[in-house]
């Protein structure tokens, strides 16, 4: 199990084993982060990001949001207490190698 950000950063370095994959993953997560920051209709709790790439051609990573079992409709961003944005920031920091 991953117990701290240093271990998370190492896990991500191992999984995304080259700069192309890391850059691709960062771009994909940033796209999700931009959408998340712009929307103010939903708070999503306990969701996941699915990160995948073709091991035989490891140049492009795909990142998708999955698992929407706990969605709450909100009327403004200040009502969103989900922490999803914080999770995206943490993921980006650790993919980039700047973990805590």
N, C-alpha and C. Protein backbone atom coordinates (compact mmCIF):
# COMPACT_ATOMS: atom_id res chain seq x y z
N UNK A 1 0.82 -1.21 0.00
CA UNK A 1 0.00 0.00 0.00
C UNK A 1 0.86 1.27 0.00
N UNK A 2 0.34 2.30 -0.61
CA UNK A 2 1.00 3.60 -0.65
C UNK A 2 0.67 4.34 0.64
N UNK A 3 1.69 4.75 1.37
CA UNK A 3 1.48 5.37 2.68
C UNK A 3 1.76 6.87 2.71
N UNK A 4 2.44 7.40 1.70
CA UNK A 4 2.72 8.84 1.69
C UNK A 4 2.95 9.30 0.24
N UNK A 5 3.13 10.61 0.08
CA UNK A 5 3.29 11.16 -1.27
C UNK A 5 4.58 10.71 -1.93
N UNK A 6 5.63 10.49 -1.18
CA UNK A 6 6.88 10.01 -1.77
C UNK A 6 6.66 8.64 -2.42
N UNK A 7 5.93 7.77 -1.75
CA UNK A 7 5.63 6.45 -2.32
C UNK A 7 4.70 6.57 -3.51
N UNK A 8 3.74 7.51 -3.44
CA UNK A 8 2.85 7.73 -4.58
C UNK A 8 3.64 8.21 -5.79
N UNK A 9 4.53 9.17 -5.59
CA UNK A 9 5.35 9.69 -6.68
C UNK A 9 6.19 8.57 -7.30
N UNK A 10 6.76 7.70 -6.47
CA UNK A 10 7.56 6.58 -6.99
C UNK A 10 6.69 5.60 -7.77
N UNK A 11 5.51 5.30 -7.26
CA UNK A 11 4.59 4.40 -7.95
C UNK A 11 4.24 4.97 -9.33
N UNK A 12 3.95 6.26 -9.39
CA UNK A 12 3.61 6.88 -10.66
C UNK A 12 4.80 6.91 -11.61
N UNK A 13 6.01 7.17 -11.10
CA UNK A 13 7.21 7.11 -11.94
C UNK A 13 7.40 5.71 -12.52
N UNK A 14 7.17 4.70 -11.70
CA UNK A 14 7.33 3.32 -12.17
C UNK A 14 6.26 2.97 -13.21
N UNK A 15 5.03 3.36 -12.96
CA UNK A 15 3.93 3.02 -13.87
C UNK A 15 4.04 3.80 -15.18
N UNK A 16 4.29 5.10 -15.07
CA UNK A 16 4.44 5.96 -16.25
C UNK A 16 5.94 6.07 -16.53
N UNK A 17 6.50 5.03 -17.11
CA UNK A 17 7.94 4.82 -17.15
C UNK A 17 8.76 5.69 -18.06
N UNK A 18 8.16 6.61 -18.81
CA UNK A 18 8.97 7.49 -19.65
C UNK A 18 8.34 8.89 -19.69
N UNK A 19 9.11 9.85 -20.18
CA UNK A 19 8.65 11.25 -20.19
C UNK A 19 7.41 11.44 -21.05
N UNK A 20 7.31 10.72 -22.18
CA UNK A 20 6.13 10.84 -23.04
C UNK A 20 4.87 10.45 -22.29
N UNK A 21 4.93 9.35 -21.57
CA UNK A 21 3.75 8.90 -20.81
C UNK A 21 3.41 9.89 -19.71
N UNK A 22 4.42 10.38 -19.01
CA UNK A 22 4.15 11.35 -17.94
C UNK A 22 3.55 12.63 -18.50
N UNK A 23 4.10 13.13 -19.60
CA UNK A 23 3.57 14.35 -20.22
C UNK A 23 2.14 14.13 -20.71
N UNK A 24 1.88 12.98 -21.27
CA UNK A 24 0.53 12.66 -21.74
C UNK A 24 -0.44 12.58 -20.57
N UNK A 25 -0.03 11.93 -19.49
CA UNK A 25 -0.89 11.82 -18.31
C UNK A 25 -1.16 13.20 -17.71
N UNK A 26 -0.14 14.03 -17.63
CA UNK A 26 -0.31 15.38 -17.09
C UNK A 26 -1.31 16.16 -17.94
N UNK A 27 -1.18 16.09 -19.25
CA UNK A 27 -2.11 16.80 -20.14
C UNK A 27 -3.54 16.31 -19.94
N UNK A 28 -3.72 15.01 -19.80
CA UNK A 28 -5.06 14.44 -19.63
C UNK A 28 -5.67 14.86 -18.29
N UNK A 29 -4.87 14.81 -17.23
CA UNK A 29 -5.37 15.21 -15.91
C UNK A 29 -5.67 16.70 -15.88
N UNK A 30 -4.85 17.49 -16.55
CA UNK A 30 -5.11 18.93 -16.61
C UNK A 30 -6.41 19.24 -17.36
N UNK A 31 -6.72 18.44 -18.37
CA UNK A 31 -7.98 18.60 -19.10
C UNK A 31 -9.16 18.33 -18.17
N UNK A 32 -9.06 17.27 -17.39
CA UNK A 32 -10.11 16.96 -16.41
C UNK A 32 -10.18 18.06 -15.35
N UNK A 33 -9.04 18.53 -14.91
CA UNK A 33 -9.00 19.59 -13.90
C UNK A 33 -9.65 20.87 -14.43
N UNK A 34 -9.42 21.23 -15.68
CA UNK A 34 -10.03 22.43 -16.26
C UNK A 34 -11.55 22.28 -16.32
N UNK A 35 -12.01 21.10 -16.73
CA UNK A 35 -13.45 20.86 -16.75
C UNK A 35 -14.02 20.97 -15.33
N UNK A 36 -13.34 20.35 -14.38
CA UNK A 36 -13.80 20.34 -13.00
C UNK A 36 -13.90 21.76 -12.43
N UNK A 37 -12.90 22.57 -12.70
CA UNK A 37 -12.88 23.94 -12.19
C UNK A 37 -14.00 24.79 -12.82
N UNK A 38 -14.34 24.50 -14.06
CA UNK A 38 -15.35 25.30 -14.77
C UNK A 38 -16.78 24.90 -14.44
N UNK A 39 -17.00 23.66 -14.05
CA UNK A 39 -18.37 23.20 -13.80
C UNK A 39 -18.78 23.50 -12.36
N UNK A 40 -20.05 23.79 -12.18
CA UNK A 40 -20.55 24.07 -10.82
C UNK A 40 -21.91 23.42 -10.59
N UNK A 41 -22.14 22.31 -11.27
CA UNK A 41 -23.42 21.61 -11.14
C UNK A 41 -23.34 20.36 -10.27
N UNK A 42 -22.14 19.79 -10.14
CA UNK A 42 -22.02 18.51 -9.46
C UNK A 42 -20.85 18.47 -8.49
N UNK A 43 -21.04 17.78 -7.39
CA UNK A 43 -19.96 17.38 -6.48
C UNK A 43 -19.88 15.86 -6.61
N UNK A 44 -18.71 15.35 -6.87
CA UNK A 44 -18.54 13.91 -7.08
C UNK A 44 -17.66 13.37 -5.96
N UNK A 45 -18.21 12.44 -5.21
CA UNK A 45 -17.51 11.86 -4.06
C UNK A 45 -17.07 10.43 -4.39
N UNK A 46 -15.89 10.07 -3.96
CA UNK A 46 -15.37 8.70 -4.07
C UNK A 46 -15.30 8.22 -5.52
N UNK A 47 -15.03 9.13 -6.43
CA UNK A 47 -14.84 8.77 -7.83
C UNK A 47 -13.40 8.33 -8.03
N UNK A 48 -13.11 7.82 -9.19
CA UNK A 48 -11.75 7.35 -9.49
C UNK A 48 -11.33 7.85 -10.86
N UNK A 49 -10.02 7.87 -11.07
CA UNK A 49 -9.47 8.10 -12.39
C UNK A 49 -8.86 6.80 -12.87
N UNK A 50 -9.19 6.42 -14.07
CA UNK A 50 -8.64 5.22 -14.70
C UNK A 50 -7.49 5.67 -15.59
N UNK A 51 -6.29 5.16 -15.34
CA UNK A 51 -5.09 5.55 -16.08
C UNK A 51 -4.59 4.31 -16.80
N UNK A 52 -4.45 4.42 -18.13
CA UNK A 52 -4.05 3.25 -18.91
C UNK A 52 -3.20 3.67 -20.11
N UNK A 53 -2.40 2.73 -20.59
CA UNK A 53 -1.66 2.92 -21.83
C UNK A 53 -1.34 1.55 -22.39
N UNK A 54 -1.01 1.51 -23.69
CA UNK A 54 -0.64 0.28 -24.36
C UNK A 54 0.83 0.01 -24.08
N UNK A 55 1.12 -1.06 -23.36
CA UNK A 55 2.48 -1.39 -22.97
C UNK A 55 3.39 -1.62 -24.18
N UNK A 56 2.81 -2.05 -25.29
CA UNK A 56 3.61 -2.31 -26.50
C UNK A 56 3.98 -1.03 -27.24
N UNK A 57 3.23 0.05 -26.98
CA UNK A 57 3.50 1.34 -27.62
C UNK A 57 3.29 2.45 -26.59
N UNK A 58 4.20 2.54 -25.61
CA UNK A 58 3.98 3.44 -24.46
C UNK A 58 4.32 4.91 -24.74
N UNK A 59 3.54 5.54 -25.62
CA UNK A 59 3.74 6.95 -25.88
C UNK A 59 2.58 7.80 -25.38
N UNK A 60 1.38 7.23 -25.36
CA UNK A 60 0.20 8.01 -25.01
C UNK A 60 -0.56 7.34 -23.87
N UNK A 61 -0.87 8.14 -22.89
CA UNK A 61 -1.61 7.69 -21.72
C UNK A 61 -3.06 8.15 -21.86
N UNK A 62 -3.98 7.37 -21.37
CA UNK A 62 -5.38 7.78 -21.33
C UNK A 62 -5.82 7.85 -19.88
N UNK A 63 -6.48 8.94 -19.53
CA UNK A 63 -6.99 9.14 -18.18
C UNK A 63 -8.46 9.45 -18.30
N UNK A 64 -9.29 8.69 -17.60
CA UNK A 64 -10.74 8.89 -17.66
C UNK A 64 -11.31 8.86 -16.24
N UNK A 65 -12.33 9.67 -16.05
CA UNK A 65 -13.08 9.62 -14.79
C UNK A 65 -14.01 8.41 -14.84
N UNK A 66 -14.05 7.65 -13.75
CA UNK A 66 -14.96 6.51 -13.66
C UNK A 66 -15.60 6.50 -12.27
N UNK A 67 -16.63 5.72 -12.12
CA UNK A 67 -17.29 5.48 -10.83
C UNK A 67 -18.01 6.72 -10.31
N UNK A 68 -19.22 6.90 -10.77
CA UNK A 68 -20.03 8.06 -10.39
C UNK A 68 -21.18 7.67 -9.47
N UNK A 69 -20.95 6.77 -8.55
CA UNK A 69 -22.01 6.29 -7.66
C UNK A 69 -22.44 7.35 -6.64
N UNK A 70 -21.55 8.27 -6.31
CA UNK A 70 -21.84 9.27 -5.28
C UNK A 70 -21.72 10.68 -5.85
N UNK A 71 -22.77 11.10 -6.55
CA UNK A 71 -22.82 12.42 -7.17
C UNK A 71 -23.91 13.22 -6.48
N UNK A 72 -23.58 14.46 -6.19
CA UNK A 72 -24.56 15.36 -5.56
C UNK A 72 -24.71 16.59 -6.45
N UNK A 73 -25.94 16.95 -6.78
CA UNK A 73 -26.16 18.15 -7.55
C UNK A 73 -26.01 19.36 -6.63
N UNK A 74 -25.28 20.38 -7.12
CA UNK A 74 -25.05 21.60 -6.35
C UNK A 74 -25.49 22.79 -7.20
N UNK A 75 -25.64 23.94 -6.56
CA UNK A 75 -26.03 25.14 -7.30
C UNK A 75 -24.87 26.11 -7.48
N UNK A 76 -23.80 25.96 -6.69
CA UNK A 76 -22.62 26.81 -6.86
C UNK A 76 -21.39 26.05 -6.36
N UNK A 77 -20.24 26.45 -6.86
CA UNK A 77 -18.99 25.74 -6.56
C UNK A 77 -18.68 25.70 -5.06
N UNK A 78 -19.09 26.74 -4.32
CA UNK A 78 -18.80 26.76 -2.88
C UNK A 78 -19.49 25.63 -2.12
N UNK A 79 -20.51 25.03 -2.72
CA UNK A 79 -21.19 23.89 -2.10
C UNK A 79 -20.44 22.57 -2.29
N UNK A 80 -19.44 22.57 -3.15
CA UNK A 80 -18.69 21.36 -3.44
C UNK A 80 -17.66 21.10 -2.35
N UNK A 81 -17.92 20.13 -1.52
CA UNK A 81 -17.02 19.75 -0.44
C UNK A 81 -16.34 18.41 -0.72
N UNK A 82 -16.34 17.99 -1.99
CA UNK A 82 -15.90 16.65 -2.35
C UNK A 82 -14.39 16.43 -2.21
N UNK A 83 -13.58 17.45 -2.40
CA UNK A 83 -12.14 17.26 -2.39
C UNK A 83 -11.59 16.76 -3.71
N UNK A 84 -12.43 16.64 -4.73
CA UNK A 84 -11.99 16.11 -6.02
C UNK A 84 -10.89 16.99 -6.63
N UNK A 85 -11.05 18.29 -6.55
CA UNK A 85 -10.03 19.20 -7.07
C UNK A 85 -8.70 19.05 -6.37
N UNK A 86 -8.73 18.89 -5.06
CA UNK A 86 -7.51 18.66 -4.28
C UNK A 86 -6.83 17.36 -4.70
N UNK A 87 -7.62 16.34 -4.95
CA UNK A 87 -7.07 15.07 -5.42
C UNK A 87 -6.38 15.21 -6.76
N UNK A 88 -6.97 16.01 -7.66
CA UNK A 88 -6.35 16.24 -8.97
C UNK A 88 -5.03 16.99 -8.81
N UNK A 89 -5.00 17.99 -7.93
CA UNK A 89 -3.77 18.73 -7.67
C UNK A 89 -2.68 17.80 -7.13
N UNK A 90 -3.05 16.93 -6.21
CA UNK A 90 -2.10 15.99 -5.63
C UNK A 90 -1.57 15.05 -6.70
N UNK A 91 -2.45 14.55 -7.55
CA UNK A 91 -2.03 13.64 -8.62
C UNK A 91 -1.09 14.34 -9.57
N UNK A 92 -1.42 15.54 -10.00
CA UNK A 92 -0.54 16.29 -10.91
C UNK A 92 0.83 16.54 -10.28
N UNK A 93 0.85 16.95 -9.05
CA UNK A 93 2.12 17.21 -8.35
C UNK A 93 2.99 15.96 -8.32
N UNK A 94 2.38 14.82 -8.11
CA UNK A 94 3.15 13.58 -7.99
C UNK A 94 3.54 12.98 -9.33
N UNK A 95 2.72 13.16 -10.35
CA UNK A 95 3.14 12.74 -11.69
C UNK A 95 4.33 13.57 -12.14
N UNK A 96 4.29 14.86 -11.81
CA UNK A 96 5.37 15.78 -12.19
C UNK A 96 6.64 15.55 -11.40
N UNK A 97 6.56 14.76 -10.35
CA UNK A 97 7.74 14.47 -9.54
C UNK A 97 7.96 15.46 -8.42
N UNK A 98 6.95 16.32 -8.16
CA UNK A 98 7.10 17.31 -7.11
C UNK A 98 6.33 16.96 -5.86
N UNK A 99 6.27 15.68 -5.50
CA UNK A 99 5.54 15.25 -4.31
C UNK A 99 6.04 15.94 -3.06
N UNK A 100 5.24 15.85 -2.01
CA UNK A 100 5.56 16.53 -0.75
C UNK A 100 6.85 16.03 -0.14
